Amino acid sequence: MIAEARATLRMSAKDWTDIVVAVMAVAAFVVAVGSFRVSSRALRLSEQQEQRKQPRLFPRLLDSHFENLTEGGRVYSFLLSVGNPTDSDNAIAQIEMHLRYLIDGDVSMTVKLPPSSVGIRDPANDQPRLTTPARIAAHDTTSGWCDFVVKPGILSGRAIDGYQIVLTDSHQAETSVDALVVSEKRRAV
């Protein structure tokens, strides 16, 4: 055993240099792996921050109803909440209702309706009207009623297939929310 220890001590300078180089290579590899992990996390964080800067609106339907007009046609009213979950300010540039209906039983048609200033106002409800353009700051939400008038003759006994509210933001990106059920509102007599 003592002989082996003496043999180890008698290693040449080249042998010691090779050992030091190997140890340094292993240490450099460990540092490189650690740097790779840190840079991967930094890249992922940077991509998430960039994604939060991309403008996007998030609409939610809170309430909806329609009322038949005495002169024919209908007024559809939708209470919307529109959020901006991004780090960039945005605005609602346009609001439309896409009313899908069926003709001849199986052919689907869509009529695009702009919002109307004529609407059903419920004095018990204090929600404002959602008009365009409507600025929405970063991480903010706005809400209000949107009313759409369907003139007589457009529906004329046709089956309604669906309702969709389409919002266009100031960057021309469209987002929508479907209204699956719209209840009829009748005025108290």
C-alpha atoms as a PDB file:
ATOM      1  CA  MET A   1       0.000   0.000   0.000  1.00  0.00           C
ATOM      2  CA  ILE A   2       2.873   2.339   0.783  1.00  0.00           C
ATOM      3  CA  ALA A   3       4.409   1.369  -2.523  1.00  0.00           C
ATOM      4  CA  GLU A   4       1.263   2.387  -4.343  1.00  0.00           C
ATOM      5  CA  ALA A   5       1.213   5.758  -2.591  1.00  0.00           C
ATOM      6  CA  ARG A   6       4.821   6.363  -3.549  1.00  0.00           C
ATOM      7  CA  ALA A   7       4.059   5.381  -7.120  1.00  0.00           C
ATOM      8  CA  THR A   8       1.214   7.931  -7.201  1.00  0.00           C
ATOM      9  CA  LEU A   9       3.506  10.637  -5.902  1.00  0.00           C
ATOM     10  CA  ARG A  10       6.068   9.790  -8.558  1.00  0.00           C
ATOM     11  CA  MET A  11       3.693  10.645 -11.388  1.00  0.00           C
ATOM     12  CA  SER A  12       5.194  12.894 -13.977  1.00  0.00           C
ATOM     13  CA  ALA A  13       4.214  16.488 -14.492  1.00  0.00           C
ATOM     14  CA  LYS A  14       2.447  15.467 -17.702  1.00  0.00           C
ATOM     15  CA  ASP A  15       0.246  13.057 -15.753  1.00  0.00           C
ATOM     16  CA  TRP A  16      -0.699  15.787 -13.267  1.00  0.00           C
ATOM     17  CA  THR A  17      -1.402  18.184 -16.122  1.00  0.00           C
ATOM     18  CA  ASP A  18      -3.735  15.652 -17.743  1.00  0.00           C
ATOM     19  CA  ILE A  19      -5.636  15.192 -14.463  1.00  0.00           C
ATOM     20  CA  VAL A  20      -6.010  18.954 -13.958  1.00  0.00           C
ATOM     21  CA  VAL A  21      -7.198  19.387 -17.550  1.00  0.00           C
ATOM     22  CA  ALA A  22      -9.786  16.607 -17.108  1.00  0.00           C
ATOM     23  CA  VAL A  23     -11.077  18.130 -13.860  1.00  0.00           C
ATOM     24  CA  MET A  24     -11.333  21.563 -15.524  1.00  0.00           C
ATOM     25  CA  ALA A  25     -13.205  20.039 -18.494  1.00  0.00           C
ATOM     26  CA  VAL A  26     -15.759  18.443 -16.135  1.00  0.00           C
ATOM     27  CA  ALA A  27     -16.148  21.763 -14.273  1.00  0.00           C
ATOM     28  CA  ALA A  28     -16.620  23.625 -17.580  1.00  0.00           C
ATOM     29  CA  PHE A  29     -19.268  21.103 -18.619  1.00  0.00           C
ATOM     30  CA  VAL A  30     -21.164  21.593 -15.336  1.00  0.00           C
ATOM     31  CA  VAL A  31     -21.044  25.390 -15.795  1.00  0.00           C
ATOM     32  CA  ALA A  32     -22.243  25.047 -19.426  1.00  0.00           C
ATOM     33  CA  VAL A  33     -25.223  22.894 -18.378  1.00  0.00           C
ATOM     34  CA  GLY A  34     -26.137  25.410 -15.670  1.00  0.00           C
ATOM     35  CA  SER A  35     -25.842  28.298 -18.120  1.00  0.00           C
ATOM     36  CA  PHE A  36     -28.033  26.459 -20.616  1.00  0.00           C
ATOM     37  CA  ARG A  37     -30.755  25.967 -17.985  1.00  0.00           C
ATOM     38  CA  VAL A  38     -30.622  29.628 -16.932  1.00  0.00           C
ATOM     39  CA  SER A  39     -30.714  30.874 -20.528  1.00  0.00           C
ATOM     40  CA  SER A  40     -33.643  28.549 -21.344  1.00  0.00           C
ATOM     41  CA  ARG A  41     -35.617  30.004 -18.442  1.00  0.00           C
ATOM     42  CA  ALA A  42     -34.740  33.542 -19.510  1.00  0.00           C
ATOM     43  CA  LEU A  43     -35.888  32.804 -23.075  1.00  0.00           C
ATOM     44  CA  ARG A  44     -39.171  31.318 -21.841  1.00  0.00           C
ATOM     45  CA  LEU A  45     -39.783  34.353 -19.617  1.00  0.00           C
ATOM     46  CA  SER A  46     -38.997  36.725 -22.481  1.00  0.00           C
ATOM     47  CA  GLU A  47     -41.418  34.883 -24.792  1.00  0.00           C
ATOM     48  CA  GLN A  48     -44.161  35.064 -22.147  1.00  0.00           C
ATOM     49  CA  GLN A  49     -43.592  38.810 -21.734  1.00  0.00           C
ATOM     50  CA  GLU A  50     -43.750  39.293 -25.501  1.00  0.00           C
ATOM     51  CA  GLN A  51     -46.979  37.307 -25.675  1.00  0.00           C
ATOM     52  CA  ARG A  52     -48.537  39.519 -22.973  1.00  0.00           C
ATOM     53  CA  LYS A  53     -47.735  42.562 -25.124  1.00  0.00           C
ATOM     54  CA  GLN A  54     -49.737  41.219 -28.083  1.00  0.00           C
ATOM     55  CA  PRO A  55     -53.096  43.039 -28.117  1.00  0.00           C
ATOM     56  CA  ARG A  56     -56.099  40.834 -27.436  1.00  0.00           C
ATOM     57  CA  LEU A  57     -59.640  41.388 -26.191  1.00  0.00           C
ATOM     58  CA  PHE A  58     -61.533  38.885 -24.075  1.00  0.00           C
ATOM     59  CA  PRO A  59     -65.342  39.317 -24.290  1.00  0.00           C
ATOM     60  CA  ARG A  60     -67.876  37.668 -21.986  1.00  0.00           C
ATOM     61  CA  LEU A  61     -71.638  37.620 -22.360  1.00  0.00           C
ATOM     62  CA  LEU A  62     -73.319  38.529 -19.063  1.00  0.00           C
ATOM     63  CA  ASP A  63     -76.962  38.823 -20.147  1.00  0.00           C
ATOM     64  CA  SER A  64     -79.081  38.880 -23.292  1.00  0.00           C
ATOM     65  CA  HIS A  65     -82.671  39.324 -24.347  1.00  0.00           C
ATOM     66  CA  PHE A  66     -84.840  40.518 -27.231  1.00  0.00           C
ATOM     67  CA  GLU A  67     -88.071  42.423 -27.581  1.00  0.00           C
ATOM     68  CA  ASN A  68     -90.515  42.367 -30.464  1.00  0.00           C
ATOM     69  CA  LEU A  69     -91.166  45.877 -31.756  1.00  0.00           C
ATOM     70  CA  THR A  70     -94.709  47.117 -32.345  1.00  0.00           C
ATOM     71  CA  GLU A  71     -93.839  48.153 -35.914  1.00  0.00           C
ATOM     72  CA  GLY A  72     -92.307  44.741 -36.604  1.00  0.00           C
ATOM     73  CA  GLY A  73     -88.792  43.500 -36.222  1.00  0.00           C
ATOM     74  CA  ARG A  74     -86.871  42.934 -33.020  1.00  0.00           C
ATOM     75  CA  VAL A  75     -84.343  44.602 -30.780  1.00  0.00           C
ATOM     76  CA  TYR A  76     -81.642  42.264 -29.450  1.00  0.00           C
ATOM     77  CA  SER A  77     -79.758  43.458 -26.370  1.00  0.00           C
ATOM     78  CA  PHE A  78     -76.528  41.953 -25.041  1.00  0.00           C
ATOM     79  CA  LEU A  79     -74.704  42.883 -21.849  1.00  0.00           C
ATOM     80  CA  LEU A  80     -71.011  42.396 -22.545  1.00  0.00           C
ATOM     81  CA  SER A  81     -67.930  42.563 -20.381  1.00  0.00           C
ATOM     82  CA  VAL A  82     -64.758  43.065 -22.434  1.00  0.00           C
ATOM     83  CA  GLY A  83     -61.390  42.563 -20.794  1.00  0.00           C
ATOM     84  CA  ASN A  84     -57.881  43.373 -21.926  1.00  0.00           C
ATOM     85  CA  PRO A  85     -55.557  40.806 -20.274  1.00  0.00           C
ATOM     86  CA  THR A  86     -52.445  42.111 -22.038  1.00  0.00           C
ATOM     87  CA  ASP A  87     -49.727  44.614 -21.141  1.00  0.00           C
ATOM     88  CA  SER A  88     -50.764  46.896 -24.051  1.00  0.00           C
ATOM     89  CA  ASP A  89     -53.641  49.361 -24.208  1.00  0.00           C
ATOM     90  CA  ASN A  90     -56.322  48.493 -26.750  1.00  0.00           C
ATOM     91  CA  ALA A  91     -59.714  49.676 -27.954  1.00  0.00           C
ATOM     92  CA  ILE A  92     -62.944  48.246 -29.316  1.00  0.00           C
ATOM     93  CA  ALA A  93     -63.143  49.729 -32.810  1.00  0.00           C
ATOM     94  CA  GLN A  94     -66.263  47.948 -34.035  1.00  0.00           C
ATOM     95  CA  ILE A  95     -69.075  45.764 -32.692  1.00  0.00           C
ATOM     96  CA  GLU A  96     -71.341  43.618 -34.865  1.00  0.00           C
ATOM     97  CA  MET A  97     -73.967  40.973 -34.282  1.00  0.00           C
ATOM     98  CA  HIS A  98     -73.852  38.041 -36.681  1.00  0.00           C
ATOM     99  CA  LEU A  99     -77.340  36.568 -36.803  1.00  0.00           C
ATOM    100  CA  ARG A 100     -77.393  33.112 -38.390  1.00  0.00           C
ATOM    101  CA  TYR A 101     -80.703  31.813 -39.677  1.00  0.00           C
ATOM    102  CA  LEU A 102     -81.900  28.971 -41.862  1.00  0.00           C
ATOM    103  CA  ILE A 103     -83.668  29.276 -45.176  1.00  0.00           C
ATOM    104  CA  ASP A 104     -85.328  26.349 -46.886  1.00  0.00           C
ATOM    105  CA  GLY A 105     -84.708  24.326 -43.730  1.00  0.00           C
ATOM    106  CA  ASP A 106     -81.014  23.586 -44.224  1.00  0.00           C
ATOM    107  CA  VAL A 107     -79.229  26.552 -45.847  1.00  0.00           C
ATOM    108  CA  SER A 108     -77.511  28.746 -43.256  1.00  0.00           C
ATOM    109  CA  MET A 109     -77.320  32.488 -43.879  1.00  0.00           C
ATOM    110  CA  THR A 110     -75.652  35.201 -41.793  1.00  0.00           C
ATOM    111  CA  VAL A 111     -76.670  38.820 -41.549  1.00  0.00           C
ATOM    112  CA  LYS A 112     -74.210  41.243 -39.960  1.00  0.00           C
ATOM    113  CA  LEU A 113     -75.877  43.988 -37.947  1.00  0.00           C
ATOM    114  CA  PRO A 114     -74.274  47.151 -36.552  1.00  0.00           C
ATOM    115  CA  PRO A 115     -75.205  48.347 -33.063  1.00  0.00           C
ATOM    116  CA  SER A 116     -78.228  50.599 -32.781  1.00  0.00           C
ATOM    117  CA  SER A 117     -78.938  53.550 -30.536  1.00  0.00           C
ATOM    118  CA  VAL A 118     -82.513  52.275 -30.240  1.00  0.00           C
ATOM    119  CA  GLY A 119     -82.667  49.822 -27.404  1.00  0.00           C
ATOM    120  CA  ILE A 120     -84.578  48.485 -24.480  1.00  0.00           C
ATOM    121  CA  ARG A 121     -83.723  50.489 -21.382  1.00  0.00           C
ATOM    122  CA  ASP A 122     -84.589  49.002 -18.055  1.00  0.00           C
ATOM    123  CA  PRO A 123     -84.680  51.724 -15.365  1.00  0.00           C
ATOM    124  CA  ALA A 124     -83.820  49.134 -12.711  1.00  0.00           C
ATOM    125  CA  ASN A 125     -80.594  48.321 -14.559  1.00  0.00           C
ATOM    126  CA  ASP A 126     -77.782  50.850 -14.245  1.00  0.00           C
ATOM    127  CA  GLN A 127     -75.414  49.332 -16.836  1.00  0.00           C
ATOM    128  CA  PRO A 128     -74.271  51.864 -19.473  1.00  0.00           C
ATOM    129  CA  ARG A 129     -74.339  51.393 -23.223  1.00  0.00           C
ATOM    130  CA  LEU A 130     -71.159  49.978 -24.800  1.00  0.00           C
ATOM    131  CA  THR A 131     -70.264  52.274 -27.695  1.00  0.00           C
ATOM    132  CA  THR A 132     -67.364  52.380 -30.118  1.00  0.00           C
ATOM    133  CA  PRO A 133     -64.634  53.348 -30.048  1.00  0.00           C
ATOM    134  CA  ALA A 134     -64.149  52.231 -26.448  1.00  0.00           C
ATOM    135  CA  ARG A 135     -60.650  52.454 -25.003  1.00  0.00           C
ATOM    136  CA  ILE A 136     -59.580  49.614 -22.707  1.00  0.00           C
ATOM    137  CA  ALA A 137     -56.367  50.122 -20.768  1.00  0.00           C
ATOM    138  CA  ALA A 138     -53.945  47.260 -20.127  1.00  0.00           C
ATOM    139  CA  HIS A 139     -55.343  44.765 -17.599  1.00  0.00           C
ATOM    140  CA  ASP A 140     -58.677  46.617 -17.509  1.00  0.00           C
ATOM    141  CA  THR A 141     -62.283  45.672 -18.272  1.00  0.00           C
ATOM    142  CA  THR A 142     -65.268  47.621 -19.545  1.00  0.00           C
ATOM    143  CA  SER A 143     -68.887  46.564 -19.803  1.00  0.00           C
ATOM    144  CA  GLY A 144     -72.189  47.738 -21.183  1.00  0.00           C
ATOM    145  CA  TRP A 145     -75.257  46.924 -23.251  1.00  0.00           C
ATOM    146  CA  CYS A 146     -75.159  46.573 -27.044  1.00  0.00           C
ATOM    147  CA  ASP A 147     -78.472  46.767 -28.879  1.00  0.00           C
ATOM    148  CA  PHE A 148     -79.121  45.528 -32.427  1.00  0.00           C
ATOM    149  CA  VAL A 149     -82.285  46.130 -34.442  1.00  0.00           C
ATOM    150  CA  VAL A 150     -83.465  43.458 -36.873  1.00  0.00           C
ATOM    151  CA  LYS A 151     -85.840  45.026 -39.375  1.00  0.00           C
ATOM    152  CA  PRO A 152     -89.102  43.289 -40.230  1.00  0.00           C
ATOM    153  CA  GLY A 153     -88.749  40.949 -43.181  1.00  0.00           C
ATOM    154  CA  ILE A 154     -85.224  39.785 -42.413  1.00  0.00           C
ATOM    155  CA  LEU A 155     -86.424  36.945 -40.248  1.00  0.00           C
ATOM    156  CA  SER A 156     -90.018  36.590 -41.501  1.00  0.00           C
ATOM    157  CA  GLY A 157     -90.687  33.166 -40.057  1.00  0.00           C
ATOM    158  CA  ARG A 158     -87.171  31.808 -40.526  1.00  0.00           C
ATOM    159  CA  ALA A 159     -85.535  29.628 -37.895  1.00  0.00           C
ATOM    160  CA  ILE A 160     -82.673  31.317 -36.034  1.00  0.00           C
ATOM    161  CA  ASP A 161     -79.536  29.189 -35.981  1.00  0.00           C
ATOM    162  CA  GLY A 162     -77.397  31.301 -33.634  1.00  0.00           C
ATOM    163  CA  TYR A 163     -76.174  34.678 -32.461  1.00  0.00           C
ATOM    164  CA  GLN A 164     -72.586  35.853 -32.332  1.00  0.00           C
ATOM    165  CA  ILE A 165     -71.213  39.185 -31.130  1.00  0.00           C
ATOM    166  CA  VAL A 166     -68.022  40.072 -33.012  1.00  0.00           C
ATOM    167  CA  LEU A 167     -65.634  42.701 -31.656  1.00  0.00           C
ATOM    168  CA  THR A 168     -62.884  44.217 -33.784  1.00  0.00           C
ATOM    169  CA  ASP A 169     -60.070  45.922 -31.905  1.00  0.00           C
ATOM    170  CA  SER A 170     -57.935  48.857 -32.970  1.00  0.00           C
ATOM    171  CA  HIS A 171     -55.409  46.427 -34.502  1.00  0.00           C
ATOM    172  CA  GLN A 172     -58.131  44.855 -36.705  1.00  0.00           C
ATOM    173  CA  ALA A 173     -58.062  41.609 -34.726  1.00  0.00           C
ATOM    174  CA  GLU A 174     -61.498  40.036 -34.332  1.00  0.00           C
ATOM    175  CA  THR A 175     -62.774  38.191 -31.299  1.00  0.00           C
ATOM    176  CA  SER A 176     -66.267  36.904 -30.694  1.00  0.00           C
ATOM    177  CA  VAL A 177     -68.663  35.501 -28.146  1.00  0.00           C
ATOM    178  CA  ASP A 178     -71.615  33.229 -28.914  1.00  0.00           C
ATOM    179  CA  ALA A 179     -75.023  33.751 -27.359  1.00  0.00           C
ATOM    180  CA  LEU A 180     -76.681  30.349 -27.289  1.00  0.00           C
ATOM    181  CA  VAL A 181     -79.949  31.388 -25.665  1.00  0.00           C
ATOM    182  CA  VAL A 182     -81.615  34.755 -25.934  1.00  0.00           C
ATOM    183  CA  SER A 183     -84.757  35.214 -23.795  1.00  0.00           C
ATOM    184  CA  GLU A 184     -87.697  37.421 -24.712  1.00  0.00           C
ATOM    185  CA  LYS A 185     -88.258  40.510 -22.601  1.00  0.00           C
ATOM    186  CA  ARG A 186     -91.761  41.907 -22.322  1.00  0.00           C
ATOM    187  CA  ARG A 187     -92.581  45.326 -21.010  1.00  0.00           C
ATOM    188  CA  ALA A 188     -94.816  45.485 -17.956  1.00  0.00           C
ATOM    189  CA  VAL A 189     -98.253  46.804 -18.793  1.00  0.00           C
END
